[in-house]
C-alpha atoms as a PDB file:
ATOM      1  CA  UNK A   1     -26.307   7.168  12.797  1.00  0.00           C
ATOM      2  CA  UNK A   2     -25.215   5.722  16.136  1.00  0.00           C
ATOM      3  CA  UNK A   3     -23.296   2.864  14.470  1.00  0.00           C
ATOM      4  CA  UNK A   4     -21.481   5.387  12.285  1.00  0.00           C
ATOM      5  CA  UNK A   5     -20.362   7.371  15.341  1.00  0.00           C
ATOM      6  CA  UNK A   6     -19.128   4.207  17.053  1.00  0.00           C
ATOM      7  CA  UNK A   7     -17.209   3.141  13.936  1.00  0.00           C
ATOM      8  CA  UNK A   8     -15.622   6.589  13.635  1.00  0.00           C
ATOM      9  CA  UNK A   9     -14.596   6.498  17.289  1.00  0.00           C
ATOM     10  CA  UNK A  10     -13.052   3.035  16.925  1.00  0.00           C
ATOM     11  CA  UNK A  11     -11.281   4.040  13.729  1.00  0.00           C
ATOM     12  CA  UNK A  12      -9.918   7.159  15.454  1.00  0.00           C
ATOM     13  CA  UNK A  13      -8.531   5.058  18.307  1.00  0.00           C
ATOM     14  CA  UNK A  14      -6.828   2.676  15.894  1.00  0.00           C
ATOM     15  CA  UNK A  15      -5.440   5.527  13.818  1.00  0.00           C
ATOM     16  CA  UNK A  16      -4.135   7.251  16.956  1.00  0.00           C
ATOM     17  CA  UNK A  17      -2.158   4.119  17.809  1.00  0.00           C
ATOM     18  CA  UNK A  18      -0.662   4.095  14.308  1.00  0.00           C
ATOM     19  CA  UNK A  19       0.141   7.818  14.561  1.00  0.00           C
ATOM     20  CA  UNK A  20       1.977   7.329  17.863  1.00  0.00           C
ATOM     21  CA  UNK A  21       3.977   4.528  16.316  1.00  0.00           C
ATOM     22  CA  UNK A  22       4.797   6.700  13.283  1.00  0.00           C
ATOM     23  CA  UNK A  23       6.067   9.547  15.465  1.00  0.00           C
ATOM     24  CA  UNK A  24       8.378   7.155  17.289  1.00  0.00           C
ATOM     25  CA  UNK A  25       9.809   6.033  13.939  1.00  0.00           C
ATOM     26  CA  UNK A  26      10.849   9.473  12.755  1.00  0.00           C
ATOM     27  CA  UNK A  27      14.601   8.806  13.184  1.00  0.00           C
ATOM     28  CA  UNK A  28      14.537   5.423  11.412  1.00  0.00           C
ATOM     29  CA  UNK A  29      15.451   4.860   7.792  1.00  0.00           C
ATOM     30  CA  UNK A  30      12.991   3.395   5.304  1.00  0.00           C
ATOM     31  CA  UNK A  31      14.769   0.053   5.535  1.00  0.00           C
ATOM     32  CA  UNK A  32      14.108  -0.068   9.292  1.00  0.00           C
ATOM     33  CA  UNK A  33      10.331   0.046   8.854  1.00  0.00           C
ATOM     34  CA  UNK A  34       8.457  -2.176  11.263  1.00  0.00           C
ATOM     35  CA  UNK A  35       6.530  -4.254   8.755  1.00  0.00           C
ATOM     36  CA  UNK A  36       4.034  -5.182  11.481  1.00  0.00           C
ATOM     37  CA  UNK A  37       2.470  -1.772  10.867  1.00  0.00           C
ATOM     38  CA  UNK A  38       2.186  -2.142   7.100  1.00  0.00           C
ATOM     39  CA  UNK A  39      -0.938  -3.324   5.354  1.00  0.00           C
ATOM     40  CA  UNK A  40      -1.202  -4.462   1.742  1.00  0.00           C
ATOM     41  CA  UNK A  41      -4.176  -2.478   0.477  1.00  0.00           C
ATOM     42  CA  UNK A  42      -6.222  -3.190  -2.604  1.00  0.00           C
ATOM     43  CA  UNK A  43      -5.677  -0.110  -4.760  1.00  0.00           C
ATOM     44  CA  UNK A  44      -8.891   1.006  -6.450  1.00  0.00           C
ATOM     45  CA  UNK A  45      -7.631   4.149  -8.231  1.00  0.00           C
ATOM     46  CA  UNK A  46      -5.716   7.415  -7.857  1.00  0.00           C
ATOM     47  CA  UNK A  47      -8.146  10.213  -7.014  1.00  0.00           C
ATOM     48  CA  UNK A  48      -5.466  12.826  -7.693  1.00  0.00           C
ATOM     49  CA  UNK A  49      -1.725  13.175  -7.060  1.00  0.00           C
ATOM     50  CA  UNK A  50      -1.959  12.963  -3.276  1.00  0.00           C
ATOM     51  CA  UNK A  51      -5.002  10.758  -2.652  1.00  0.00           C
ATOM     52  CA  UNK A  52      -5.478   7.055  -3.362  1.00  0.00           C
ATOM     53  CA  UNK A  53      -8.769   5.207  -3.109  1.00  0.00           C
ATOM     54  CA  UNK A  54      -8.309   1.770  -1.508  1.00  0.00           C
ATOM     55  CA  UNK A  55     -10.681  -1.089  -0.722  1.00  0.00           C
ATOM     56  CA  UNK A  56     -10.936  -1.455   3.047  1.00  0.00           C
ATOM     57  CA  UNK A  57     -13.413  -3.721   4.798  1.00  0.00           C
ATOM     58  CA  UNK A  58     -15.779  -4.048   1.839  1.00  0.00           C
ATOM     59  CA  UNK A  59     -15.885  -0.342   1.027  1.00  0.00           C
ATOM     60  CA  UNK A  60     -13.771   2.180  -0.810  1.00  0.00           C
ATOM     61  CA  UNK A  61     -11.829   4.561   1.412  1.00  0.00           C
ATOM     62  CA  UNK A  62      -9.682   7.563   0.500  1.00  0.00           C
ATOM     63  CA  UNK A  63      -6.150   7.753   1.881  1.00  0.00           C
ATOM     64  CA  UNK A  64      -4.260  11.047   1.717  1.00  0.00           C
ATOM     65  CA  UNK A  65      -0.497  10.784   1.212  1.00  0.00           C
ATOM     66  CA  UNK A  66       1.298  12.191   4.267  1.00  0.00           C
ATOM     67  CA  UNK A  67       3.673  15.104   3.794  1.00  0.00           C
ATOM     68  CA  UNK A  68       2.713  16.338   0.327  1.00  0.00           C
ATOM     69  CA  UNK A  69       0.084  18.591  -1.208  1.00  0.00           C
ATOM     70  CA  UNK A  70      -0.163  18.131  -4.958  1.00  0.00           C
ATOM     71  CA  UNK A  71      -1.580  20.723  -7.283  1.00  0.00           C
ATOM     72  CA  UNK A  72      -5.346  20.544  -7.716  1.00  0.00           C
ATOM     73  CA  UNK A  73      -7.065  18.857 -10.664  1.00  0.00           C
ATOM     74  CA  UNK A  74     -10.099  21.157 -10.548  1.00  0.00           C
ATOM     75  CA  UNK A  75     -11.025  24.678  -9.518  1.00  0.00           C
ATOM     76  CA  UNK A  76     -11.960  24.148  -5.867  1.00  0.00           C
ATOM     77  CA  UNK A  77     -11.449  25.928  -2.551  1.00  0.00           C
ATOM     78  CA  UNK A  78      -7.817  24.758  -2.255  1.00  0.00           C
ATOM     79  CA  UNK A  79      -6.760  26.263  -5.552  1.00  0.00           C
ATOM     80  CA  UNK A  80      -6.750  29.750  -4.005  1.00  0.00           C
ATOM     81  CA  UNK A  81      -3.757  28.769  -1.823  1.00  0.00           C
ATOM     82  CA  UNK A  82      -1.807  27.642  -4.865  1.00  0.00           C
ATOM     83  CA  UNK A  83      -2.537  30.912  -6.721  1.00  0.00           C
ATOM     84  CA  UNK A  84      -0.156  32.575  -4.247  1.00  0.00           C
ATOM     85  CA  UNK A  85       2.706  30.912  -6.134  1.00  0.00           C
ATOM     86  CA  UNK A  86       1.988  33.122  -9.142  1.00  0.00           C
ATOM     87  CA  UNK A  87       0.310  30.393 -11.195  1.00  0.00           C
ATOM     88  CA  UNK A  88      -2.945  30.731 -13.101  1.00  0.00           C
ATOM     89  CA  UNK A  89      -5.797  28.337 -12.374  1.00  0.00           C
ATOM     90  CA  UNK A  90      -5.133  26.577 -15.698  1.00  0.00           C
ATOM     91  CA  UNK A  91      -1.436  26.104 -14.821  1.00  0.00           C
ATOM     92  CA  UNK A  92      -2.343  24.724 -11.396  1.00  0.00           C
ATOM     93  CA  UNK A  93      -4.872  22.286 -12.875  1.00  0.00           C
ATOM     94  CA  UNK A  94      -2.398  21.154 -15.567  1.00  0.00           C
ATOM     95  CA  UNK A  95       0.206  20.432 -12.869  1.00  0.00           C
ATOM     96  CA  UNK A  96      -2.482  18.619 -10.879  1.00  0.00           C
ATOM     97  CA  UNK A  97      -3.221  16.313 -13.803  1.00  0.00           C
ATOM     98  CA  UNK A  98       0.495  15.683 -14.298  1.00  0.00           C
ATOM     99  CA  UNK A  99       0.805  14.761 -10.607  1.00  0.00           C
ATOM    100  CA  UNK A 100      -2.076  12.310 -10.952  1.00  0.00           C
ATOM    101  CA  UNK A 101      -0.463  10.799 -14.072  1.00  0.00           C
ATOM    102  CA  UNK A 102       2.825  10.337 -12.183  1.00  0.00           C
ATOM    103  CA  UNK A 103       1.061   8.599  -9.308  1.00  0.00           C
ATOM    104  CA  UNK A 104      -0.778   6.290 -11.720  1.00  0.00           C
ATOM    105  CA  UNK A 105       2.550   5.394 -13.397  1.00  0.00           C
ATOM    106  CA  UNK A 106       4.115   4.527 -10.032  1.00  0.00           C
ATOM    107  CA  UNK A 107       1.130   2.412  -8.995  1.00  0.00           C
ATOM    108  CA  UNK A 108       1.114   0.540 -12.317  1.00  0.00           C
ATOM    109  CA  UNK A 109       4.882  -0.111 -12.245  1.00  0.00           C
ATOM    110  CA  UNK A 110       4.819  -1.763  -8.841  1.00  0.00           C
ATOM    111  CA  UNK A 111       2.714  -4.828  -8.129  1.00  0.00           C
ATOM    112  CA  UNK A 112       3.137  -4.928  -4.359  1.00  0.00           C
ATOM    113  CA  UNK A 113       2.090  -1.695  -2.665  1.00  0.00           C
ATOM    114  CA  UNK A 114       2.127  -1.300   1.118  1.00  0.00           C
ATOM    115  CA  UNK A 115       0.503   1.298   3.358  1.00  0.00           C
ATOM    116  CA  UNK A 116       1.430   2.633   6.754  1.00  0.00           C
ATOM    117  CA  UNK A 117      -1.509   4.559   8.213  1.00  0.00           C
ATOM    118  CA  UNK A 118      -0.233   7.595  10.131  1.00  0.00           C
ATOM    119  CA  UNK A 119      -3.432   9.378  11.123  1.00  0.00           C
ATOM    120  CA  UNK A 120      -6.633  11.086  10.070  1.00  0.00           C
ATOM    121  CA  UNK A 121      -6.760  14.522   8.470  1.00  0.00           C
ATOM    122  CA  UNK A 122      -9.154  17.402   9.138  1.00  0.00           C
ATOM    123  CA  UNK A 123     -11.558  15.965   6.516  1.00  0.00           C
ATOM    124  CA  UNK A 124     -11.670  12.621   8.423  1.00  0.00           C
ATOM    125  CA  UNK A 125      -9.714  10.855   5.669  1.00  0.00           C
ATOM    126  CA  UNK A 126      -7.066   8.313   6.507  1.00  0.00           C
ATOM    127  CA  UNK A 127      -3.525   9.641   6.059  1.00  0.00           C
ATOM    128  CA  UNK A 128      -0.550   7.448   5.354  1.00  0.00           C
ATOM    129  CA  UNK A 129       2.671   6.579   3.609  1.00  0.00           C
ATOM    130  CA  UNK A 130       2.533   4.266   0.623  1.00  0.00           C
ATOM    131  CA  UNK A 131       5.552   2.107  -0.198  1.00  0.00           C
ATOM    132  CA  UNK A 132       6.711  -0.388  -2.773  1.00  0.00           C
ATOM    133  CA  UNK A 133       9.712  -2.700  -2.650  1.00  0.00           C
ATOM    134  CA  UNK A 134      12.587  -2.031  -5.028  1.00  0.00           C
ATOM    135  CA  UNK A 135      14.652  -4.752  -6.719  1.00  0.00           C
ATOM    136  CA  UNK A 136      16.874  -5.032  -3.620  1.00  0.00           C
ATOM    137  CA  UNK A 137      13.904  -5.518  -1.294  1.00  0.00           C
ATOM    138  CA  UNK A 138      14.090  -2.014   0.214  1.00  0.00           C
ATOM    139  CA  UNK A 139      10.905  -0.100   0.923  1.00  0.00           C
ATOM    140  CA  UNK A 140      10.602   3.026  -1.233  1.00  0.00           C
ATOM    141  CA  UNK A 141       8.247   5.833  -0.210  1.00  0.00           C
ATOM    142  CA  UNK A 142       5.754   6.695  -2.937  1.00  0.00           C
ATOM    143  CA  UNK A 143       5.028   9.901  -1.005  1.00  0.00           C
ATOM    144  CA  UNK A 144       8.652  10.990  -1.354  1.00  0.00           C
ATOM    145  CA  UNK A 145       8.726  10.017  -5.030  1.00  0.00           C
ATOM    146  CA  UNK A 146       5.665  12.162  -5.622  1.00  0.00           C
ATOM    147  CA  UNK A 147       7.278  15.112  -3.846  1.00  0.00           C
ATOM    148  CA  UNK A 148      10.332  14.676  -6.092  1.00  0.00           C
ATOM    149  CA  UNK A 149       8.191  15.029  -9.247  1.00  0.00           C
ATOM    150  CA  UNK A 150       7.838  18.746  -8.637  1.00  0.00           C
ATOM    151  CA  UNK A 151       4.038  18.519  -8.788  1.00  0.00           C
ATOM    152  CA  UNK A 152       3.578  17.889  -5.068  1.00  0.00           C
ATOM    153  CA  UNK A 153       5.234  20.369  -2.713  1.00  0.00           C
ATOM    154  CA  UNK A 154       5.944  19.320   0.848  1.00  0.00           C
ATOM    155  CA  UNK A 155       3.039  19.885   3.210  1.00  0.00           C
ATOM    156  CA  UNK A 156       2.986  19.793   6.972  1.00  0.00           C
ATOM    157  CA  UNK A 157      -0.508  19.747   8.456  1.00  0.00           C
ATOM    158  CA  UNK A 158      -0.578  22.119  11.392  1.00  0.00           C
ATOM    159  CA  UNK A 159      -3.937  21.002  12.800  1.00  0.00           C
ATOM    160  CA  UNK A 160      -7.107  22.951  13.334  1.00  0.00           C
ATOM    161  CA  UNK A 161      -6.663  26.440  14.709  1.00  0.00           C
END
Protein backbone atom coordinates (compact mmCIF):
# COMPACT_ATOMS: atom_id res chain seq x y z
CA UNK A 1 0.00 0.00 0.00
CA UNK A 2 2.78 2.41 0.94
CA UNK A 3 4.77 1.63 -2.22
CA UNK A 4 1.68 2.30 -4.32
CA UNK A 5 1.23 5.74 -2.72
CA UNK A 6 4.89 6.59 -3.33
CA UNK A 7 4.65 5.48 -6.97
CA UNK A 8 1.50 7.55 -7.48
CA UNK A 9 3.18 10.59 -5.95
CA UNK A 10 6.25 10.20 -8.17
CA UNK A 11 4.10 9.65 -11.24
CA UNK A 12 2.08 12.78 -10.39
CA UNK A 13 5.26 14.85 -10.13
CA UNK A 14 6.50 13.60 -13.49
CA UNK A 15 3.13 14.17 -15.12
CA UNK A 16 2.97 17.69 -13.68
CA UNK A 17 6.27 18.49 -15.37
CA UNK A 18 4.91 17.21 -18.68
CA UNK A 19 1.69 19.21 -18.20
CA UNK A 20 3.63 22.43 -17.59
CA UNK A 21 5.63 21.80 -20.73
CA UNK A 22 2.44 21.13 -22.71
CA UNK A 23 0.85 24.40 -21.56
CA UNK A 24 3.92 26.31 -22.70
CA UNK A 25 3.61 24.71 -26.15
CA UNK A 26 0.05 25.83 -26.81
CA UNK A 27 1.06 28.41 -29.47
CA UNK A 28 3.37 26.04 -31.37
CA UNK A 29 2.40 24.10 -34.46
CA UNK A 30 2.54 20.31 -34.58
CA UNK A 31 5.76 20.50 -36.57
CA UNK A 32 7.42 22.46 -33.74
CA UNK A 33 6.91 19.67 -31.21
CA UNK A 34 9.83 19.20 -28.86
CA UNK A 35 10.54 15.55 -29.54
CA UNK A 36 12.38 15.32 -26.21
CA UNK A 37 8.95 15.05 -24.60
CA UNK A 38 7.68 12.27 -26.86
CA UNK A 39 7.83 8.62 -25.95
CA UNK A 40 7.32 5.69 -28.32
CA UNK A 41 4.82 3.55 -26.44
CA UNK A 42 4.05 -0.09 -27.05
CA UNK A 43 0.38 -0.06 -28.05
CA UNK A 44 -1.53 -2.94 -26.47
CA UNK A 45 -5.05 -2.16 -27.75
CA UNK A 46 -7.73 0.51 -28.12
CA UNK A 47 -10.05 0.39 -25.11
CA UNK A 48 -12.55 2.66 -26.86
CA UNK A 49 -12.38 5.72 -29.13
CA UNK A 50 -10.61 7.95 -26.63
CA UNK A 51 -8.52 5.54 -24.54
CA UNK A 52 -5.50 3.47 -25.55
CA UNK A 53 -3.91 0.78 -23.42
CA UNK A 54 -0.10 0.94 -23.60
CA UNK A 55 2.68 -1.14 -22.06
CA UNK A 56 4.59 1.02 -19.59
CA UNK A 57 7.23 -0.30 -17.22
CA UNK A 58 6.14 -3.93 -17.42
CA UNK A 59 2.44 -3.25 -16.94
CA UNK A 60 -0.49 -2.15 -19.04
CA UNK A 61 -1.60 1.44 -18.48
CA UNK A 62 -4.58 3.33 -19.89
CA UNK A 63 -3.96 6.68 -21.58
CA UNK A 64 -6.90 8.99 -22.26
CA UNK A 65 -6.66 11.11 -25.41
CA UNK A 66 -6.54 14.80 -24.46
CA UNK A 67 -9.24 17.10 -25.79
CA UNK A 68 -11.87 14.62 -26.96
CA UNK A 69 -14.71 12.63 -25.44
CA UNK A 70 -15.89 9.86 -27.74
CA UNK A 71 -19.29 8.29 -27.52
CA UNK A 72 -19.53 5.40 -25.07
CA UNK A 73 -19.35 1.74 -26.07
CA UNK A 74 -21.56 0.57 -23.20
CA UNK A 75 -24.36 1.83 -21.00
CA UNK A 76 -22.40 3.40 -18.14
CA UNK A 77 -22.58 6.52 -15.99
CA UNK A 78 -21.19 8.76 -18.77
CA UNK A 79 -23.88 7.85 -21.25
CA UNK A 80 -26.38 10.07 -19.42
CA UNK A 81 -24.40 13.17 -20.49
CA UNK A 82 -24.55 12.11 -24.12
CA UNK A 83 -28.33 11.54 -23.95
CA UNK A 84 -28.66 15.34 -23.73
CA UNK A 85 -27.78 15.46 -27.44
CA UNK A 86 -31.09 13.79 -28.26
CA UNK A 87 -29.59 10.37 -29.00
CA UNK A 88 -30.88 7.05 -27.72
CA UNK A 89 -28.58 4.77 -25.75
CA UNK A 90 -28.35 2.44 -28.77
CA UNK A 91 -27.33 5.34 -31.05
CA UNK A 92 -24.69 6.48 -28.57
CA UNK A 93 -23.26 2.97 -28.24
CA UNK A 94 -23.22 2.49 -32.03
CA UNK A 95 -21.28 5.75 -32.43
CA UNK A 96 -18.96 4.61 -29.64
CA UNK A 97 -18.15 1.40 -31.51
CA UNK A 98 -17.57 3.37 -34.71
CA UNK A 99 -15.16 5.66 -32.84
CA UNK A 100 -13.26 2.64 -31.54
CA UNK A 101 -13.11 1.17 -35.07
CA UNK A 102 -11.71 4.46 -36.41
CA UNK A 103 -9.02 4.54 -33.73
CA UNK A 104 -8.06 0.93 -34.47
CA UNK A 105 -7.76 1.77 -38.19
CA UNK A 106 -5.47 4.72 -37.44
CA UNK A 107 -3.29 2.65 -35.11
CA UNK A 108 -3.00 -0.18 -37.65
CA UNK A 109 -2.16 2.18 -40.54
CA UNK A 110 0.77 3.79 -38.75
CA UNK A 111 3.72 1.77 -37.51
CA UNK A 112 5.42 4.48 -35.47
CA UNK A 113 3.15 6.00 -32.84
CA UNK A 114 4.39 8.62 -30.38
CA UNK A 115 2.89 9.89 -27.13
CA UNK A 116 3.17 13.19 -25.35
CA UNK A 117 1.87 12.83 -21.79
CA UNK A 118 0.00 15.99 -20.77
CA UNK A 119 -1.38 15.10 -17.35
CA UNK A 120 -3.55 12.85 -15.24
CA UNK A 121 -7.34 12.91 -15.31
CA UNK A 122 -9.81 12.73 -12.41
CA UNK A 123 -9.75 8.90 -12.65
CA UNK A 124 -5.93 8.91 -12.19
CA UNK A 125 -5.38 7.82 -15.80
CA UNK A 126 -2.57 9.27 -17.85
CA UNK A 127 -3.76 11.83 -20.41
CA UNK A 128 -1.89 12.62 -23.58
CA UNK A 129 -1.66 13.35 -27.27
CA UNK A 130 -0.83 10.51 -29.62
CA UNK A 131 0.95 11.26 -32.89
CA UNK A 132 2.19 9.50 -35.98
CA UNK A 133 4.51 10.80 -38.68
CA UNK A 134 3.07 11.42 -42.13
CA UNK A 135 4.94 10.76 -45.39
CA UNK A 136 6.63 14.19 -45.14
CA UNK A 137 7.88 13.53 -41.61
CA UNK A 138 5.35 15.85 -39.93
CA UNK A 139 3.73 14.83 -36.67
CA UNK A 140 -0.02 14.31 -37.03
CA UNK A 141 -2.27 14.36 -33.96
CA UNK A 142 -4.34 11.20 -33.64
CA UNK A 143 -6.47 13.08 -31.09
CA UNK A 144 -7.39 15.68 -33.71
CA UNK A 145 -8.06 12.99 -36.33
CA UNK A 146 -10.43 11.29 -33.92
CA UNK A 147 -12.25 14.56 -33.26
CA UNK A 148 -12.63 15.00 -37.03
CA UNK A 149 -14.40 11.62 -37.36
CA UNK A 150 -17.53 13.07 -35.79
CA UNK A 151 -17.61 10.33 -33.15
CA UNK A 152 -15.50 12.23 -30.62
CA UNK A 153 -16.65 15.74 -29.74
CA UNK A 154 -14.16 18.18 -28.28
CA UNK A 155 -13.84 17.95 -24.51
CA UNK A 156 -12.18 20.34 -22.12
CA UNK A 157 -11.71 18.93 -18.63
CA UNK A 158 -12.63 21.62 -16.14
CA UNK A 159 -11.22 19.89 -13.06
CA UNK A 160 -12.94 18.77 -9.91
CA UNK A 161 -15.49 21.18 -8.51
